Structure formats: C-alpha cells, structure tokens
C-alpha cells in the first residue's frame, strides 16, 4: 500500500494557540511532505515549499503521519501547482465565526492538503467540505500504521 506523509505541528505563536483552541486540536498546522521538503500554506508566505528540517525546527511540537494514498505523487503535484498562491485569511476568520468566507484562489494549510488529495482523485472529504477542513480533521483520518501506544 502506498502512503502520503503529513507533518502535523503546533507553534509558539498566539495565532497557533488560537487555532488549536477553536478547533479543539493539539495541532495548529499541517504540511504535505515531499521527500525532504514540505509544501505548506502559511500566513505570511502563502503556499510555499521549504525544507522538512526547517519546518520541524520552527515547531513547538510535531509528528509525521502516513495516510493511505493510491498515488502520493499526484497529491504532491496538485499541492505543488498552488505554490505562490496567497494564504486564505478570510477562511481562518470564517472557521472561527462559522461562516463560509473562503477565497477560491487562496489557501490555509489543511484546506490545501484536502484539496490536493481530491484533485489527485483521492478525496478524503465531500467536495462541499474541502474548504472547511482543519488540521484536526486530517489528524482524525486513519493512518497507515497504528499511532496509539500503550
């Protein structure tokens, strides 16, 4: 079975704490792992690709998780096609206020990953829900291996 790797993380920032609180999650961010790099959507940089080590070093807490995927490369290519697009600030506000304010050409971290999977023909969520996915929703998907210990 093939798998796609995701990096879940939490940050030291007040915005990260707010995201964790609003979404009832340990995680405020999620990025798609492409070998030794990640593709992510961040507030001040939009969609970008950076070194995996850099992403892990800036996190307060992080974990790598593998999710089942028939064609991981197609998911990575879909996400990579969005590099340079802006961050979706209105969607973040919409999550907190329970409004649908998502921009069609901007992304926040988890909606980028959910969209990339759907675009690659491996939808994890219904199409109308793609722009409402939080890091916690991705965290709750079944992993390739067992995460729980003890």
N, C-alpha and C. Protein backbone atom coordinates (compact mmCIF):
# COMPACT_ATOMS: atom_id res chain seq x y z
N UNK A 1 0.84 -1.18 0.00
CA UNK A 1 0.00 0.00 0.00
C UNK A 1 0.89 1.24 0.00
N UNK A 2 0.48 2.22 -0.77
CA UNK A 2 1.20 3.48 -0.82
C UNK A 2 0.69 4.40 0.27
N UNK A 3 1.50 5.42 0.58
CA UNK A 3 1.11 6.37 1.63
C UNK A 3 1.63 7.75 1.30
N UNK A 4 0.95 8.74 1.83
CA UNK A 4 1.37 10.13 1.75
C UNK A 4 1.70 10.58 3.17
N UNK A 5 2.78 11.32 3.34
CA UNK A 5 3.19 11.77 4.66
C UNK A 5 2.74 13.20 4.91
N UNK A 6 2.23 13.42 6.12
CA UNK A 6 1.84 14.76 6.56
C UNK A 6 2.62 15.09 7.82
N UNK A 7 3.03 16.34 7.93
CA UNK A 7 3.69 16.85 9.13
C UNK A 7 2.68 17.70 9.89
N UNK A 8 2.28 17.23 11.06
CA UNK A 8 1.41 18.00 11.95
C UNK A 8 2.29 18.73 12.93
N UNK A 9 1.96 20.00 13.21
CA UNK A 9 2.77 20.76 14.15
C UNK A 9 1.95 21.79 14.89
N UNK A 10 2.51 22.25 15.98
CA UNK A 10 1.96 23.39 16.71
C UNK A 10 3.10 24.38 16.89
N UNK A 11 2.73 25.64 16.98
CA UNK A 11 3.74 26.68 17.03
C UNK A 11 3.73 27.39 18.38
N UNK A 12 4.66 28.31 18.53
CA UNK A 12 4.75 29.12 19.73
C UNK A 12 3.87 30.37 19.63
N UNK A 13 3.29 30.63 18.46
CA UNK A 13 2.59 31.89 18.22
C UNK A 13 1.21 31.95 18.87
N UNK A 14 0.75 33.15 19.20
CA UNK A 14 -0.62 33.31 19.70
C UNK A 14 -1.66 32.84 18.67
N UNK A 15 -1.40 33.06 17.38
CA UNK A 15 -2.34 32.61 16.35
C UNK A 15 -2.44 31.08 16.36
N UNK A 16 -1.32 30.40 16.55
CA UNK A 16 -1.34 28.94 16.64
C UNK A 16 -2.16 28.47 17.83
N UNK A 17 -2.00 29.14 18.96
CA UNK A 17 -2.78 28.79 20.15
C UNK A 17 -4.27 29.00 19.89
N UNK A 18 -4.59 30.07 19.19
CA UNK A 18 -6.00 30.35 18.88
C UNK A 18 -6.58 29.26 17.96
N UNK A 19 -5.83 28.88 16.94
CA UNK A 19 -6.30 27.82 16.03
C UNK A 19 -6.51 26.52 16.80
N UNK A 20 -5.57 26.17 17.68
CA UNK A 20 -5.72 24.94 18.47
C UNK A 20 -6.96 25.01 19.36
N UNK A 21 -7.21 26.17 19.94
CA UNK A 21 -8.37 26.33 20.82
C UNK A 21 -9.68 26.23 20.04
N UNK A 22 -9.77 26.96 18.93
CA UNK A 22 -11.01 26.99 18.14
C UNK A 22 -11.32 25.62 17.53
N UNK A 23 -10.29 24.87 17.16
CA UNK A 23 -10.51 23.58 16.51
C UNK A 23 -10.39 22.39 17.47
N UNK A 24 -10.20 22.65 18.74
CA UNK A 24 -10.07 21.61 19.75
C UNK A 24 -8.98 20.60 19.36
N UNK A 25 -7.83 21.12 19.03
CA UNK A 25 -6.79 20.27 18.47
C UNK A 25 -5.45 20.48 19.15
N UNK A 26 -4.63 19.48 19.11
CA UNK A 26 -3.23 19.59 19.53
C UNK A 26 -2.43 20.33 18.47
N UNK A 27 -2.96 20.36 17.23
CA UNK A 27 -2.21 20.86 16.08
C UNK A 27 -2.80 22.16 15.53
N UNK A 28 -1.93 23.08 15.17
CA UNK A 28 -2.37 24.32 14.54
C UNK A 28 -1.95 24.39 13.08
N UNK A 29 -1.15 23.43 12.63
CA UNK A 29 -0.64 23.47 11.26
C UNK A 29 -0.42 22.05 10.75
N UNK A 30 -0.55 21.90 9.43
CA UNK A 30 -0.26 20.63 8.78
C UNK A 30 0.37 20.94 7.42
N UNK A 31 1.37 20.16 7.05
CA UNK A 31 2.07 20.34 5.78
C UNK A 31 2.21 18.98 5.09
N UNK A 32 2.29 19.01 3.78
CA UNK A 32 2.44 17.81 2.97
C UNK A 32 3.93 17.55 2.76
N UNK A 33 4.38 16.35 3.07
CA UNK A 33 5.80 16.01 2.97
C UNK A 33 6.10 15.47 1.57
N UNK A 34 7.11 16.06 0.94
CA UNK A 34 7.58 15.63 -0.38
C UNK A 34 9.08 15.37 -0.26
N UNK A 35 9.43 14.14 0.08
CA UNK A 35 10.82 13.72 0.34
C UNK A 35 11.38 14.52 1.51
N UNK A 36 12.39 15.38 1.27
CA UNK A 36 12.99 16.14 2.38
C UNK A 36 12.47 17.58 2.43
N UNK A 37 11.33 17.82 1.81
CA UNK A 37 10.71 19.15 1.82
C UNK A 37 9.23 19.03 2.19
N UNK A 38 8.63 20.16 2.51
CA UNK A 38 7.20 20.19 2.76
C UNK A 38 6.57 21.26 1.88
N UNK A 39 5.33 21.03 1.53
CA UNK A 39 4.51 22.03 0.84
C UNK A 39 3.47 22.45 1.86
N UNK A 40 3.39 23.75 2.08
CA UNK A 40 2.52 24.25 3.13
C UNK A 40 1.94 25.61 2.76
N UNK A 41 0.88 25.99 3.44
CA UNK A 41 0.31 27.33 3.32
C UNK A 41 0.48 28.00 4.68
N UNK A 42 1.17 29.14 4.70
CA UNK A 42 1.43 29.85 5.95
C UNK A 42 1.00 31.30 5.82
N UNK A 43 0.67 31.93 6.97
CA UNK A 43 0.11 33.29 6.93
C UNK A 43 0.93 34.33 6.18
N UNK A 44 2.22 34.38 6.35
CA UNK A 44 2.98 35.46 5.75
C UNK A 44 3.66 35.09 4.44
N UNK A 45 3.61 33.81 4.07
CA UNK A 45 4.28 33.36 2.84
C UNK A 45 3.33 32.74 1.82
N UNK A 46 2.11 32.43 2.21
CA UNK A 46 1.20 31.75 1.30
C UNK A 46 1.65 30.32 1.09
N UNK A 47 1.36 29.78 -0.08
CA UNK A 47 1.75 28.39 -0.38
C UNK A 47 3.21 28.39 -0.83
N UNK A 48 3.98 27.58 -0.16
CA UNK A 48 5.42 27.52 -0.44
C UNK A 48 5.95 26.12 -0.20
N UNK A 49 7.19 25.90 -0.63
CA UNK A 49 7.89 24.64 -0.39
C UNK A 49 9.17 24.98 0.35
N UNK A 50 9.39 24.32 1.50
CA UNK A 50 10.60 24.55 2.29
C UNK A 50 11.16 23.20 2.74
N UNK A 51 12.34 23.23 3.31
CA UNK A 51 12.99 22.02 3.81
C UNK A 51 12.20 21.45 5.00
N UNK A 52 12.06 20.14 5.03
CA UNK A 52 11.38 19.47 6.13
C UNK A 52 12.03 19.81 7.47
N UNK A 53 13.36 19.81 7.51
CA UNK A 53 14.07 20.13 8.75
C UNK A 53 13.72 21.52 9.25
N UNK A 54 13.62 22.49 8.34
CA UNK A 54 13.26 23.86 8.74
C UNK A 54 11.85 23.90 9.33
N UNK A 55 10.94 23.18 8.71
CA UNK A 55 9.56 23.14 9.21
C UNK A 55 9.51 22.50 10.60
N UNK A 56 10.26 21.45 10.80
CA UNK A 56 10.25 20.77 12.10
C UNK A 56 10.95 21.61 13.17
N UNK A 57 12.01 22.31 12.79
CA UNK A 57 12.77 23.11 13.75
C UNK A 57 11.98 24.32 14.25
N UNK A 58 11.08 24.85 13.45
CA UNK A 58 10.33 26.03 13.90
C UNK A 58 9.11 25.64 14.75
N UNK A 59 8.80 24.36 14.82
CA UNK A 59 7.62 23.90 15.55
C UNK A 59 7.90 23.70 17.03
N UNK A 60 6.90 23.94 17.84
CA UNK A 60 6.96 23.66 19.28
C UNK A 60 6.81 22.16 19.49
N UNK A 61 5.97 21.55 18.68
CA UNK A 61 5.66 20.12 18.76
C UNK A 61 5.34 19.66 17.34
N UNK A 62 5.76 18.46 16.96
CA UNK A 62 5.44 17.98 15.61
C UNK A 62 5.47 16.46 15.57
N UNK A 63 4.77 15.92 14.57
CA UNK A 63 4.78 14.47 14.34
C UNK A 63 4.50 14.22 12.85
N UNK A 64 5.15 13.21 12.31
CA UNK A 64 4.91 12.78 10.94
C UNK A 64 3.90 11.64 10.95
N UNK A 65 2.92 11.71 10.05
CA UNK A 65 1.89 10.69 9.96
C UNK A 65 1.76 10.27 8.50
N UNK A 66 1.58 8.98 8.26
CA UNK A 66 1.36 8.48 6.91
C UNK A 66 -0.11 8.09 6.75
N UNK A 67 -0.72 8.62 5.69
CA UNK A 67 -2.10 8.27 5.35
C UNK A 67 -2.09 7.43 4.08
N UNK A 68 -3.02 6.49 3.95
CA UNK A 68 -3.08 5.69 2.73
C UNK A 68 -3.35 6.58 1.51
N UNK A 69 -2.66 6.28 0.42
CA UNK A 69 -2.86 7.01 -0.84
C UNK A 69 -2.47 6.10 -1.99
N UNK A 70 -3.34 6.01 -2.99
CA UNK A 70 -3.02 5.18 -4.16
C UNK A 70 -1.87 5.76 -4.96
N UNK A 71 -1.85 7.10 -5.11
CA UNK A 71 -0.81 7.75 -5.91
C UNK A 71 -0.33 9.02 -5.20
N UNK A 72 0.56 8.86 -4.21
CA UNK A 72 1.04 10.01 -3.44
C UNK A 72 1.63 11.12 -4.32
N UNK A 73 2.30 10.74 -5.40
CA UNK A 73 2.93 11.75 -6.25
C UNK A 73 1.92 12.69 -6.88
N UNK A 74 0.75 12.18 -7.24
CA UNK A 74 -0.30 13.04 -7.81
C UNK A 74 -0.79 14.06 -6.78
N UNK A 75 -0.88 13.65 -5.53
CA UNK A 75 -1.29 14.58 -4.47
C UNK A 75 -0.22 15.67 -4.31
N UNK A 76 1.04 15.27 -4.29
CA UNK A 76 2.14 16.23 -4.17
C UNK A 76 2.14 17.19 -5.35
N UNK A 77 1.95 16.67 -6.56
CA UNK A 77 1.93 17.54 -7.75
C UNK A 77 0.77 18.53 -7.69
N UNK A 78 -0.39 18.10 -7.23
CA UNK A 78 -1.53 19.01 -7.11
C UNK A 78 -1.21 20.13 -6.12
N UNK A 79 -0.65 19.78 -4.97
CA UNK A 79 -0.29 20.80 -3.97
C UNK A 79 0.79 21.73 -4.53
N UNK A 80 1.78 21.15 -5.19
CA UNK A 80 2.87 21.95 -5.75
C UNK A 80 2.35 22.95 -6.80
N UNK A 81 1.27 22.62 -7.49
CA UNK A 81 0.72 23.52 -8.51
C UNK A 81 0.17 24.81 -7.90
N UNK A 82 0.01 24.82 -6.58
CA UNK A 82 -0.53 26.01 -5.90
C UNK A 82 0.54 26.89 -5.27
N UNK A 83 1.81 26.51 -5.40
CA UNK A 83 2.90 27.31 -4.84
C UNK A 83 2.82 28.73 -5.40
N UNK A 84 2.94 29.69 -4.51
CA UNK A 84 2.86 31.10 -4.89
C UNK A 84 1.49 31.71 -4.64
N UNK A 85 0.48 30.87 -4.40
CA UNK A 85 -0.86 31.40 -4.10
C UNK A 85 -0.86 31.96 -2.68
N UNK A 86 -1.71 32.92 -2.41
CA UNK A 86 -1.72 33.55 -1.07
C UNK A 86 -2.39 32.70 0.00
N UNK A 87 -2.17 33.10 1.23
CA UNK A 87 -2.82 32.48 2.39
C UNK A 87 -4.27 32.93 2.43
N UNK A 88 -5.14 32.05 2.88
CA UNK A 88 -6.57 32.35 2.93
C UNK A 88 -6.97 32.87 4.32
N UNK A 89 -6.73 34.16 4.53
CA UNK A 89 -7.05 34.79 5.82
C UNK A 89 -8.55 34.76 6.10
N UNK A 90 -9.36 34.97 5.07
CA UNK A 90 -10.81 35.02 5.31
C UNK A 90 -11.36 33.66 5.73
N UNK A 91 -10.76 32.59 5.25
CA UNK A 91 -11.21 31.25 5.67
C UNK A 91 -10.92 31.03 7.14
N UNK A 92 -9.77 31.48 7.61
CA UNK A 92 -9.43 31.34 9.02
C UNK A 92 -10.44 32.10 9.87
N UNK A 93 -10.77 33.32 9.46
CA UNK A 93 -11.80 34.08 10.18
C UNK A 93 -13.13 33.36 10.11
N UNK A 94 -13.45 32.80 8.94
CA UNK A 94 -14.70 32.09 8.76
C UNK A 94 -14.81 30.86 9.65
N UNK A 95 -13.69 30.14 9.86
CA UNK A 95 -13.72 28.98 10.75
C UNK A 95 -14.11 29.40 12.16
N UNK A 96 -13.50 30.48 12.63
CA UNK A 96 -13.78 30.95 13.97
C UNK A 96 -15.19 31.48 14.13
N UNK A 97 -15.72 32.09 13.08
CA UNK A 97 -17.05 32.68 13.14
C UNK A 97 -18.12 31.79 12.52
N UNK A 98 -17.71 30.60 12.08
CA UNK A 98 -18.62 29.64 11.44
C UNK A 98 -19.31 30.23 10.21
N UNK A 99 -18.52 30.89 9.37
CA UNK A 99 -19.01 31.48 8.13
C UNK A 99 -18.21 30.89 6.96
N UNK A 100 -18.80 30.86 5.79
CA UNK A 100 -18.13 30.35 4.60
C UNK A 100 -17.54 31.53 3.82
N UNK A 101 -16.34 31.96 4.21
CA UNK A 101 -15.69 33.11 3.59
C UNK A 101 -14.47 32.72 2.77
N UNK A 102 -14.35 31.47 2.41
CA UNK A 102 -13.16 31.01 1.72
C UNK A 102 -12.97 31.70 0.37
N UNK A 103 -11.71 31.97 0.06
CA UNK A 103 -11.31 32.51 -1.23
C UNK A 103 -11.02 31.33 -2.17
N UNK A 104 -11.37 31.47 -3.43
CA UNK A 104 -11.15 30.38 -4.39
C UNK A 104 -9.69 30.22 -4.79
N UNK A 105 -8.89 31.27 -4.68
CA UNK A 105 -7.51 31.22 -5.14
C UNK A 105 -6.52 31.47 -4.02
N UNK A 106 -6.89 31.12 -2.79
CA UNK A 106 -6.03 31.28 -1.62
C UNK A 106 -6.26 30.07 -0.71
N UNK A 107 -5.28 29.76 0.13
CA UNK A 107 -5.34 28.53 0.92
C UNK A 107 -4.89 28.74 2.35
N UNK A 108 -5.48 27.98 3.26
CA UNK A 108 -4.84 27.77 4.55
C UNK A 108 -4.38 26.31 4.56
N UNK A 109 -3.57 25.94 5.51
CA UNK A 109 -2.80 24.69 5.43
C UNK A 109 -3.63 23.44 5.17
N UNK A 110 -4.64 23.20 5.96
CA UNK A 110 -5.37 21.94 5.84
C UNK A 110 -6.28 21.89 4.63
N UNK A 111 -6.83 23.04 4.24
CA UNK A 111 -7.69 23.01 3.05
C UNK A 111 -6.85 22.75 1.80
N UNK A 112 -5.61 23.22 1.75
CA UNK A 112 -4.71 22.93 0.63
C UNK A 112 -4.49 21.43 0.50
N UNK A 113 -4.23 20.76 1.61
CA UNK A 113 -3.95 19.33 1.57
C UNK A 113 -5.20 18.53 1.20
N UNK A 114 -6.34 18.88 1.76
CA UNK A 114 -7.59 18.18 1.42
C UNK A 114 -7.93 18.38 -0.05
N UNK A 115 -7.74 19.61 -0.56
CA UNK A 115 -8.00 19.89 -1.97
C UNK A 115 -7.04 19.09 -2.86
N UNK A 116 -5.75 19.04 -2.50
CA UNK A 116 -4.77 18.33 -3.32
C UNK A 116 -5.11 16.85 -3.43
N UNK A 117 -5.55 16.25 -2.34
CA UNK A 117 -5.95 14.84 -2.39
C UNK A 117 -7.16 14.65 -3.31
N UNK A 118 -8.15 15.52 -3.19
CA UNK A 118 -9.33 15.43 -4.05
C UNK A 118 -8.95 15.66 -5.51
N UNK A 119 -8.10 16.63 -5.75
CA UNK A 119 -7.66 16.95 -7.12
C UNK A 119 -6.92 15.77 -7.75
N UNK A 120 -6.23 14.99 -6.92
CA UNK A 120 -5.49 13.81 -7.39
C UNK A 120 -6.39 12.58 -7.51
N UNK A 121 -7.69 12.74 -7.28
CA UNK A 121 -8.61 11.63 -7.41
C UNK A 121 -8.73 10.77 -6.17
N UNK A 122 -8.29 11.30 -5.03
CA UNK A 122 -8.36 10.57 -3.77
C UNK A 122 -9.06 11.42 -2.71
N UNK A 123 -10.32 11.72 -2.90
CA UNK A 123 -11.00 12.60 -1.94
C UNK A 123 -11.14 11.97 -0.56
N UNK A 124 -10.76 12.73 0.45
CA UNK A 124 -10.92 12.29 1.83
C UNK A 124 -12.20 12.86 2.42
N UNK A 125 -12.75 13.89 1.77
CA UNK A 125 -13.94 14.59 2.26
C UNK A 125 -14.87 14.89 1.09
N UNK A 126 -16.11 15.18 1.39
CA UNK A 126 -17.05 15.61 0.36
C UNK A 126 -16.58 16.94 -0.22
N UNK A 127 -16.83 17.15 -1.51
CA UNK A 127 -16.37 18.35 -2.20
C UNK A 127 -16.79 19.63 -1.49
N UNK A 128 -18.03 19.68 -1.00
CA UNK A 128 -18.51 20.90 -0.36
C UNK A 128 -17.84 21.15 0.99
N UNK A 129 -17.11 20.18 1.51
CA UNK A 129 -16.45 20.31 2.81
C UNK A 129 -14.96 20.64 2.70
N UNK A 130 -14.41 20.60 1.50
CA UNK A 130 -12.96 20.77 1.35
C UNK A 130 -12.43 22.05 1.96
N UNK A 131 -13.18 23.10 1.88
CA UNK A 131 -12.72 24.39 2.37
C UNK A 131 -13.08 24.62 3.84
N UNK A 132 -13.48 23.57 4.52
CA UNK A 132 -13.81 23.66 5.95
C UNK A 132 -12.93 22.72 6.77
N UNK A 133 -11.97 22.08 6.15
CA UNK A 133 -11.14 21.08 6.81
C UNK A 133 -10.07 21.77 7.65
N UNK A 134 -9.94 21.33 8.90
CA UNK A 134 -8.92 21.87 9.80
C UNK A 134 -7.81 20.82 9.99
N UNK A 135 -6.68 21.21 10.58
CA UNK A 135 -5.66 20.20 10.88
C UNK A 135 -6.24 19.04 11.71
N UNK A 136 -7.15 19.33 12.61
CA UNK A 136 -7.74 18.27 13.43
C UNK A 136 -8.51 17.26 12.58
N UNK A 137 -9.22 17.72 11.56
CA UNK A 137 -9.94 16.79 10.67
C UNK A 137 -8.97 15.84 9.98
N UNK A 138 -7.85 16.36 9.50
CA UNK A 138 -6.84 15.50 8.86
C UNK A 138 -6.22 14.55 9.87
N UNK A 139 -6.02 15.03 11.09
CA UNK A 139 -5.45 14.21 12.15
C UNK A 139 -6.34 12.99 12.45
N UNK A 140 -7.64 13.16 12.31
CA UNK A 140 -8.58 12.08 12.63
C UNK A 140 -8.71 11.03 11.53
N UNK A 141 -8.12 11.26 10.36
CA UNK A 141 -8.15 10.25 9.30
C UNK A 141 -7.34 9.02 9.74
N UNK A 142 -7.72 7.84 9.29
CA UNK A 142 -6.99 6.63 9.71
C UNK A 142 -5.59 6.58 9.10
N UNK A 143 -4.57 6.40 9.93
CA UNK A 143 -3.19 6.32 9.43
C UNK A 143 -2.90 4.97 8.79
N UNK A 144 -1.76 4.89 8.12
CA UNK A 144 -1.31 3.62 7.53
C UNK A 144 -0.99 2.64 8.64
N UNK A 145 -0.26 3.09 9.64
CA UNK A 145 0.12 2.25 10.78
C UNK A 145 -0.58 2.74 12.03
N UNK A 146 -0.41 2.04 13.09
CA UNK A 146 -1.02 2.39 14.36
C UNK A 146 -0.23 3.51 15.03
N UNK A 147 -0.93 4.59 15.41
CA UNK A 147 -0.29 5.71 16.11
C UNK A 147 -0.32 5.52 17.61
N UNK A 148 -1.34 4.88 18.12
CA UNK A 148 -1.52 4.78 19.58
C UNK A 148 -0.49 3.81 20.17
N UNK A 149 -0.01 4.18 21.32
CA UNK A 149 0.91 3.30 22.05
C UNK A 149 0.39 3.15 23.47
N UNK A 150 0.66 2.01 24.04
CA UNK A 150 0.31 1.74 25.43
C UNK A 150 -1.09 1.79 25.70
